[in-house]
Amino acid sequence: MTTATATLSSKFQISIPKAVREQQHWEAGQEFVFIPKGKGALLMPVPELDQLRGVVPGANPAAYRDREDRF
């Protein structure tokens, strides 16, 4: 893949180049997280819950805690 660039707009928005969107299979409306890394940031799509199924073999889904029971 060739290097793709984008420009930060006056509204602090960036359009992801088409070649990158197609290669990564990203779609409009998809949610992303920005992870600061040195002088840059890593952009990652937020996975859907069903995409995480099986990531931790042996985990007990009955023991799931949501954020309501945290202090």
PDB file of N, CA and C in Angstrom:
ATOM      1  N   MET A   1       0.829  -1.172   0.000  1.00  0.00           N
ATOM      2  CA  MET A   1       0.000   0.000   0.000  1.00  0.00           C
ATOM      3  C   MET A   1       0.881   1.245   0.000  1.00  0.00           C
ATOM      4  N   THR A   2       0.493   2.230  -0.756  1.00  0.00           N
ATOM      5  CA  THR A   2       1.247   3.479  -0.784  1.00  0.00           C
ATOM      6  C   THR A   2       0.838   4.342   0.409  1.00  0.00           C
ATOM      7  N   THR A   3       1.684   5.321   0.709  1.00  0.00           N
ATOM      8  CA  THR A   3       1.399   6.228   1.810  1.00  0.00           C
ATOM      9  C   THR A   3       0.221   7.119   1.453  1.00  0.00           C
ATOM     10  N   ALA A   4      -0.721   7.242   2.361  1.00  0.00           N
ATOM     11  CA  ALA A   4      -1.881   8.104   2.165  1.00  0.00           C
ATOM     12  C   ALA A   4      -1.809   9.229   3.192  1.00  0.00           C
ATOM     13  N   THR A   5      -2.173  10.435   2.781  1.00  0.00           N
ATOM     14  CA  THR A   5      -2.146  11.567   3.698  1.00  0.00           C
ATOM     15  C   THR A   5      -3.516  12.228   3.768  1.00  0.00           C
ATOM     16  N   ALA A   6      -3.742  12.988   4.818  1.00  0.00           N
ATOM     17  CA  ALA A   6      -4.976  13.750   4.993  1.00  0.00           C
ATOM     18  C   ALA A   6      -4.622  15.044   5.709  1.00  0.00           C
ATOM     19  N   THR A   7      -5.474  16.039   5.586  1.00  0.00           N
ATOM     20  CA  THR A   7      -5.246  17.339   6.202  1.00  0.00           C
ATOM     21  C   THR A   7      -6.300  17.585   7.273  1.00  0.00           C
ATOM     22  N   LEU A   8      -5.864  18.077   8.422  1.00  0.00           N
ATOM     23  CA  LEU A   8      -6.768  18.418   9.507  1.00  0.00           C
ATOM     24  C   LEU A   8      -7.494  19.707   9.149  1.00  0.00           C
ATOM     25  N   SER A   9      -8.831  19.674   9.151  1.00  0.00           N
ATOM     26  CA  SER A   9      -9.623  20.841   8.760  1.00  0.00           C
ATOM     27  C   SER A   9      -9.691  21.853   9.901  1.00  0.00           C
ATOM     28  N   SER A  10     -10.240  23.020   9.611  1.00  0.00           N
ATOM     29  CA  SER A  10     -10.402  24.059  10.636  1.00  0.00           C
ATOM     30  C   SER A  10     -11.384  23.625  11.720  1.00  0.00           C
ATOM     31  N   LYS A  11     -12.195  22.603  11.431  1.00  0.00           N
ATOM     32  CA  LYS A  11     -13.126  22.046  12.420  1.00  0.00           C
ATOM     33  C   LYS A  11     -12.523  20.824  13.113  1.00  0.00           C
ATOM     34  N   PHE A  12     -11.207  20.618  12.929  1.00  0.00           N
ATOM     35  CA  PHE A  12     -10.467  19.511  13.519  1.00  0.00           C
ATOM     36  C   PHE A  12     -10.997  18.159  13.067  1.00  0.00           C
ATOM     37  N   GLN A  13     -11.334  18.044  11.791  1.00  0.00           N
ATOM     38  CA  GLN A  13     -11.798  16.799  11.207  1.00  0.00           C
ATOM     39  C   GLN A  13     -10.793  16.318  10.170  1.00  0.00           C
ATOM     40  N   ILE A  14     -10.709  14.997  10.018  1.00  0.00           N
ATOM     41  CA  ILE A  14      -9.844  14.374   9.018  1.00  0.00           C
ATOM     42  C   ILE A  14     -10.677  13.375   8.233  1.00  0.00           C
ATOM     43  N   SER A  15     -10.569  13.407   6.926  1.00  0.00           N
ATOM     44  CA  SER A  15     -11.217  12.393   6.087  1.00  0.00           C
ATOM     45  C   SER A  15     -10.213  11.275   5.854  1.00  0.00           C
ATOM     46  N   ILE A  16     -10.632  10.062   6.145  1.00  0.00           N
ATOM     47  CA  ILE A  16      -9.750   8.907   5.950  1.00  0.00           C
ATOM     48  C   ILE A  16      -9.711   8.598   4.462  1.00  0.00           C
ATOM     49  N   PRO A  17      -8.516   8.523   3.870  1.00  0.00           N
ATOM     50  CA  PRO A  17      -8.412   8.253   2.430  1.00  0.00           C
ATOM     51  C   PRO A  17      -9.134   6.969   2.022  1.00  0.00           C
ATOM     52  N   LYS A  18      -9.737   6.996   0.858  1.00  0.00           N
ATOM     53  CA  LYS A  18     -10.536   5.878   0.352  1.00  0.00           C
ATOM     54  C   LYS A  18      -9.746   4.571   0.331  1.00  0.00           C
ATOM     55  N   ALA A  19      -8.492   4.623  -0.097  1.00  0.00           N
ATOM     56  CA  ALA A  19      -7.678   3.408  -0.174  1.00  0.00           C
ATOM     57  C   ALA A  19      -7.538   2.747   1.202  1.00  0.00           C
ATOM     58  N   VAL A  20      -7.391   3.561   2.242  1.00  0.00           N
ATOM     59  CA  VAL A  20      -7.255   3.035   3.606  1.00  0.00           C
ATOM     60  C   VAL A  20      -8.587   2.449   4.066  1.00  0.00           C
ATOM     61  N   ARG A  21      -9.684   3.189   3.844  1.00  0.00           N
ATOM     62  CA  ARG A  21     -11.018   2.689   4.236  1.00  0.00           C
ATOM     63  C   ARG A  21     -11.318   1.354   3.585  1.00  0.00           C
ATOM     64  N   GLU A  22     -11.020   1.234   2.305  1.00  0.00           N
ATOM     65  CA  GLU A  22     -11.307  -0.009   1.590  1.00  0.00           C
ATOM     66  C   GLU A  22     -10.433  -1.153   2.072  1.00  0.00           C
ATOM     67  N   GLN A  23      -9.159  -0.888   2.281  1.00  0.00           N
ATOM     68  CA  GLN A  23      -8.257  -1.949   2.742  1.00  0.00           C
ATOM     69  C   GLN A  23      -8.656  -2.455   4.130  1.00  0.00           C
ATOM     70  N   GLN A  24      -9.093  -1.545   5.003  1.00  0.00           N
ATOM     71  CA  GLN A  24      -9.457  -1.913   6.371  1.00  0.00           C
ATOM     72  C   GLN A  24     -10.922  -2.320   6.519  1.00  0.00           C
ATOM     73  N   HIS A  25     -11.704  -2.155   5.454  1.00  0.00           N
ATOM     74  CA  HIS A  25     -13.138  -2.472   5.472  1.00  0.00           C
ATOM     75  C   HIS A  25     -13.888  -1.618   6.494  1.00  0.00           C
ATOM     76  N   TRP A  26     -13.502  -0.340   6.591  1.00  0.00           N
ATOM     77  CA  TRP A  26     -14.168   0.602   7.481  1.00  0.00           C
ATOM     78  C   TRP A  26     -15.365   1.195   6.773  1.00  0.00           C
ATOM     79  N   GLU A  27     -16.438   1.444   7.538  1.00  0.00           N
ATOM     80  CA  GLU A  27     -17.677   1.958   6.970  1.00  0.00           C
ATOM     81  C   GLU A  27     -18.122   3.214   7.709  1.00  0.00           C
ATOM     82  N   ALA A  28     -18.939   4.024   7.043  1.00  0.00           N
ATOM     83  CA  ALA A  28     -19.491   5.229   7.650  1.00  0.00           C
ATOM     84  C   ALA A  28     -20.278   4.862   8.896  1.00  0.00           C
ATOM     85  N   GLY A  29     -20.142   5.651   9.940  1.00  0.00           N
ATOM     86  CA  GLY A  29     -20.860   5.410  11.185  1.00  0.00           C
ATOM     87  C   GLY A  29     -20.123   4.514  12.161  1.00  0.00           C
ATOM     88  N   GLN A  30     -19.036   3.906  11.726  1.00  0.00           N
ATOM     89  CA  GLN A  30     -18.256   3.026  12.597  1.00  0.00           C
ATOM     90  C   GLN A  30     -17.574   3.875  13.666  1.00  0.00           C
ATOM     91  N   GLU A  31     -17.492   3.364  14.892  1.00  0.00           N
ATOM     92  CA  GLU A  31     -16.887   4.088  16.003  1.00  0.00           C
ATOM     93  C   GLU A  31     -15.410   3.715  16.122  1.00  0.00           C
ATOM     94  N   PHE A  32     -14.569   4.720  16.426  1.00  0.00           N
ATOM     95  CA  PHE A  32     -13.127   4.522  16.540  1.00  0.00           C
ATOM     96  C   PHE A  32     -12.621   5.061  17.868  1.00  0.00           C
ATOM     97  N   VAL A  33     -11.471   4.561  18.287  1.00  0.00           N
ATOM     98  CA  VAL A  33     -10.795   5.044  19.483  1.00  0.00           C
ATOM     99  C   VAL A  33      -9.421   5.554  19.050  1.00  0.00           C
ATOM    100  N   PHE A  34      -8.978   6.658  19.662  1.00  0.00           N
ATOM    101  CA  PHE A  34      -7.650   7.206  19.418  1.00  0.00           C
ATOM    102  C   PHE A  34      -6.785   6.887  20.627  1.00  0.00           C
ATOM    103  N   ILE A  35      -5.645   6.237  20.397  1.00  0.00           N
ATOM    104  CA  ILE A  35      -4.720   5.866  21.456  1.00  0.00           C
ATOM    105  C   ILE A  35      -3.440   6.667  21.262  1.00  0.00           C
ATOM    106  N   PRO A  36      -3.138   7.612  22.185  1.00  0.00           N
ATOM    107  CA  PRO A  36      -1.919   8.417  22.041  1.00  0.00           C
ATOM    108  C   PRO A  36      -0.667   7.536  22.027  1.00  0.00           C
ATOM    109  N   LYS A  37       0.230   7.793  21.084  1.00  0.00           N
ATOM    110  CA  LYS A  37       1.488   7.052  20.950  1.00  0.00           C
ATOM    111  C   LYS A  37       2.591   8.047  20.614  1.00  0.00           C
ATOM    112  N   GLY A  38       3.389   8.424  21.592  1.00  0.00           N
ATOM    113  CA  GLY A  38       4.469   9.374  21.343  1.00  0.00           C
ATOM    114  C   GLY A  38       3.931  10.685  20.791  1.00  0.00           C
ATOM    115  N   LYS A  39       4.404  11.075  19.597  1.00  0.00           N
ATOM    116  CA  LYS A  39       3.952  12.318  18.969  1.00  0.00           C
ATOM    117  C   LYS A  39       2.782  12.086  18.024  1.00  0.00           C
ATOM    118  N   GLY A  40       2.231  10.890  18.018  1.00  0.00           N
ATOM    119  CA  GLY A  40       1.118  10.561  17.136  1.00  0.00           C
ATOM    120  C   GLY A  40       0.000   9.872  17.896  1.00  0.00           C
ATOM    121  N   ALA A  41      -0.858   9.217  17.150  1.00  0.00           N
ATOM    122  CA  ALA A  41      -1.976   8.490  17.753  1.00  0.00           C
ATOM    123  C   ALA A  41      -2.291   7.277  16.889  1.00  0.00           C
ATOM    124  N   LEU A  42      -2.679   6.204  17.543  1.00  0.00           N
ATOM    125  CA  LEU A  42      -3.099   4.981  16.876  1.00  0.00           C
ATOM    126  C   LEU A  42      -4.617   5.029  16.763  1.00  0.00           C
ATOM    127  N   LEU A  43      -5.146   4.794  15.582  1.00  0.00           N
ATOM    128  CA  LEU A  43      -6.578   4.810  15.330  1.00  0.00           C
ATOM    129  C   LEU A  43      -7.055   3.373  15.184  1.00  0.00           C
ATOM    130  N   MET A  44      -7.999   2.983  16.036  1.00  0.00           N
ATOM    131  CA  MET A  44      -8.491   1.605  16.015  1.00  0.00           C
ATOM    132  C   MET A  44     -10.012   1.612  16.034  1.00  0.00           C
ATOM    133  N   PRO A  45     -10.658   0.731  15.235  1.00  0.00           N
ATOM    134  CA  PRO A  45     -12.108   0.632  15.336  1.00  0.00           C
ATOM    135  C   PRO A  45     -12.500  -0.030  16.652  1.00  0.00           C
ATOM    136  N   VAL A  46     -13.572   0.456  17.256  1.00  0.00           N
ATOM    137  CA  VAL A  46     -14.092  -0.145  18.484  1.00  0.00           C
ATOM    138  C   VAL A  46     -14.824  -1.421  18.070  1.00  0.00           C
ATOM    139  N   PRO A  47     -14.416  -2.576  18.609  1.00  0.00           N
ATOM    140  CA  PRO A  47     -15.056  -3.828  18.194  1.00  0.00           C
ATOM    141  C   PRO A  47     -16.470  -3.963  18.735  1.00  0.00           C
ATOM    142  N   GLU A  48     -17.303  -4.651  17.988  1.00  0.00           N
ATOM    143  CA  GLU A  48     -18.643  -4.998  18.452  1.00  0.00           C
ATOM    144  C   GLU A  48     -18.500  -6.142  19.452  1.00  0.00           C
ATOM    145  N   LEU A  49     -19.446  -6.268  20.365  1.00  0.00           N
ATOM    146  CA  LEU A  49     -19.373  -7.299  21.394  1.00  0.00           C
ATOM    147  C   LEU A  49     -19.243  -8.695  20.795  1.00  0.00           C
ATOM    148  N   ASP A  50     -19.970  -8.989  19.713  1.00  0.00           N
ATOM    149  CA  ASP A  50     -19.898 -10.324  19.108  1.00  0.00           C
ATOM    150  C   ASP A  50     -18.534 -10.599  18.478  1.00  0.00           C
ATOM    151  N   GLN A  51     -17.770  -9.562  18.135  1.00  0.00           N
ATOM    152  CA  GLN A  51     -16.424  -9.751  17.590  1.00  0.00           C
ATOM    153  C   GLN A  51     -15.445 -10.180  18.673  1.00  0.00           C
ATOM    154  N   LEU A  52     -15.786  -9.926  19.926  1.00  0.00           N
ATOM    155  CA  LEU A  52     -14.904 -10.283  21.040  1.00  0.00           C
ATOM    156  C   LEU A  52     -15.164 -11.689  21.562  1.00  0.00           C
ATOM    157  N   ARG A  53     -16.248 -12.297  21.115  1.00  0.00           N
ATOM    158  CA  ARG A  53     -16.600 -13.633  21.583  1.00  0.00           C
ATOM    159  C   ARG A  53     -15.471 -14.619  21.244  1.00  0.00           C
ATOM    160  N   GLY A  54     -14.994 -15.349  22.251  1.00  0.00           N
ATOM    161  CA  GLY A  54     -13.941 -16.330  22.046  1.00  0.00           C
ATOM    162  C   GLY A  54     -12.534 -15.781  22.216  1.00  0.00           C
ATOM    163  N   VAL A  55     -12.404 -14.488  22.515  1.00  0.00           N
ATOM    164  CA  VAL A  55     -11.082 -13.890  22.681  1.00  0.00           C
ATOM    165  C   VAL A  55     -10.387 -14.421  23.932  1.00  0.00           C
ATOM    166  N   VAL A  56     -11.168 -14.679  24.981  1.00  0.00           N
ATOM    167  CA  VAL A  56     -10.608 -15.173  26.235  1.00  0.00           C
ATOM    168  C   VAL A  56     -11.192 -16.555  26.517  1.00  0.00           C
ATOM    169  N   PRO A  57     -10.525 -17.607  26.026  1.00  0.00           N
ATOM    170  CA  PRO A  57     -11.042 -18.953  26.247  1.00  0.00           C
ATOM    171  C   PRO A  57     -11.158 -19.265  27.741  1.00  0.00           C
ATOM    172  N   GLY A  58     -12.239 -19.915  28.124  1.00  0.00           N
ATOM    173  CA  GLY A  58     -12.444 -20.313  29.505  1.00  0.00           C
ATOM    174  C   GLY A  58     -13.075 -19.244  30.374  1.00  0.00           C
ATOM    175  N   ALA A  59     -13.343 -18.055  29.822  1.00  0.00           N
ATOM    176  CA  ALA A  59     -13.970 -17.000  30.618  1.00  0.00           C
ATOM    177  C   ALA A  59     -15.417 -17.376  30.904  1.00  0.00           C
ATOM    178  N   ASN A  60     -15.876 -17.029  32.087  1.00  0.00           N
ATOM    179  CA  ASN A  60     -17.243 -17.334  32.489  1.00  0.00           C
ATOM    180  C   ASN A  60     -18.128 -16.120  32.211  1.00  0.00           C
ATOM    181  N   PRO A  61     -18.967 -16.157  31.168  1.00  0.00           N
ATOM    182  CA  PRO A  61     -19.799 -14.997  30.854  1.00  0.00           C
ATOM    183  C   PRO A  61     -20.839 -14.705  31.925  1.00  0.00           C
ATOM    184  N   ALA A  62     -21.143 -15.661  32.802  1.00  0.00           N
ATOM    185  CA  ALA A  62     -22.111 -15.435  33.870  1.00  0.00           C
ATOM    186  C   ALA A  62     -21.540 -14.498  34.927  1.00  0.00           C
ATOM    187  N   ALA A  63     -20.225 -14.384  35.004  1.00  0.00           N
ATOM    188  CA  ALA A  63     -19.579 -13.543  36.010  1.00  0.00           C
ATOM    189  C   ALA A  63     -19.267 -12.148  35.464  1.00  0.00           C
ATOM    190  N   TYR A  64     -19.920 -11.767  34.380  1.00  0.00           N
ATOM    191  CA  TYR A  64     -19.683 -10.460  33.759  1.00  0.00           C
ATOM    192  C   TYR A  64     -20.121  -9.336  34.691  1.00  0.00           C
ATOM    193  N   ARG A  65     -19.305  -8.302  34.807  1.00  0.00           N
ATOM    194  CA  ARG A  65     -19.656  -7.110  35.585  1.00  0.00           C
ATOM    195  C   ARG A  65     -19.820  -5.942  34.627  1.00  0.00           C
ATOM    196  N   ASP A  66     -20.885  -5.195  34.817  1.00  0.00           N
ATOM    197  CA  ASP A  66     -20.992  -3.977  34.024  1.00  0.00           C
ATOM    198  C   ASP A  66     -20.530  -2.796  34.875  1.00  0.00           C
ATOM    199  N   ARG A  67     -20.559  -1.613  34.325  1.00  0.00           N
ATOM    200  CA  ARG A  67     -19.997  -0.452  35.001  1.00  0.00           C
ATOM    201  C   ARG A  67     -20.853   0.062  36.142  1.00  0.00           C
ATOM    202  N   GLU A  68     -22.088  -0.388  36.258  1.00  0.00           N
ATOM    203  CA  GLU A  68     -22.962   0.092  37.312  1.00  0.00           C
ATOM    204  C   GLU A  68     -22.522  -0.363  38.696  1.00  0.00           C
ATOM    205  N   ASP A  69     -21.753  -1.450  38.781  1.00  0.00           N
ATOM    206  CA  ASP A  69     -21.351  -1.939  40.099  1.00  0.00           C
ATOM    207  C   ASP A  69     -19.928  -1.514  40.471  1.00  0.00           C
ATOM    208  N   ARG A  70     -19.368  -0.568  39.742  1.00  0.00           N
ATOM    209  CA  ARG A  70     -18.011  -0.072  40.048  1.00  0.00           C
ATOM    210  C   ARG A  70     -18.116   1.226  40.816  1.00  0.00           C
ATOM    211  N   PHE A  71     -17.098   1.480  41.613  1.00  0.00           N
ATOM    212  CA  PHE A  71     -17.073   2.704  42.413  1.00  0.00           C
ATOM    213  C   PHE A  71     -16.447   3.830  41.649  1.00  0.00           C
TER     214      PHE A  71
END
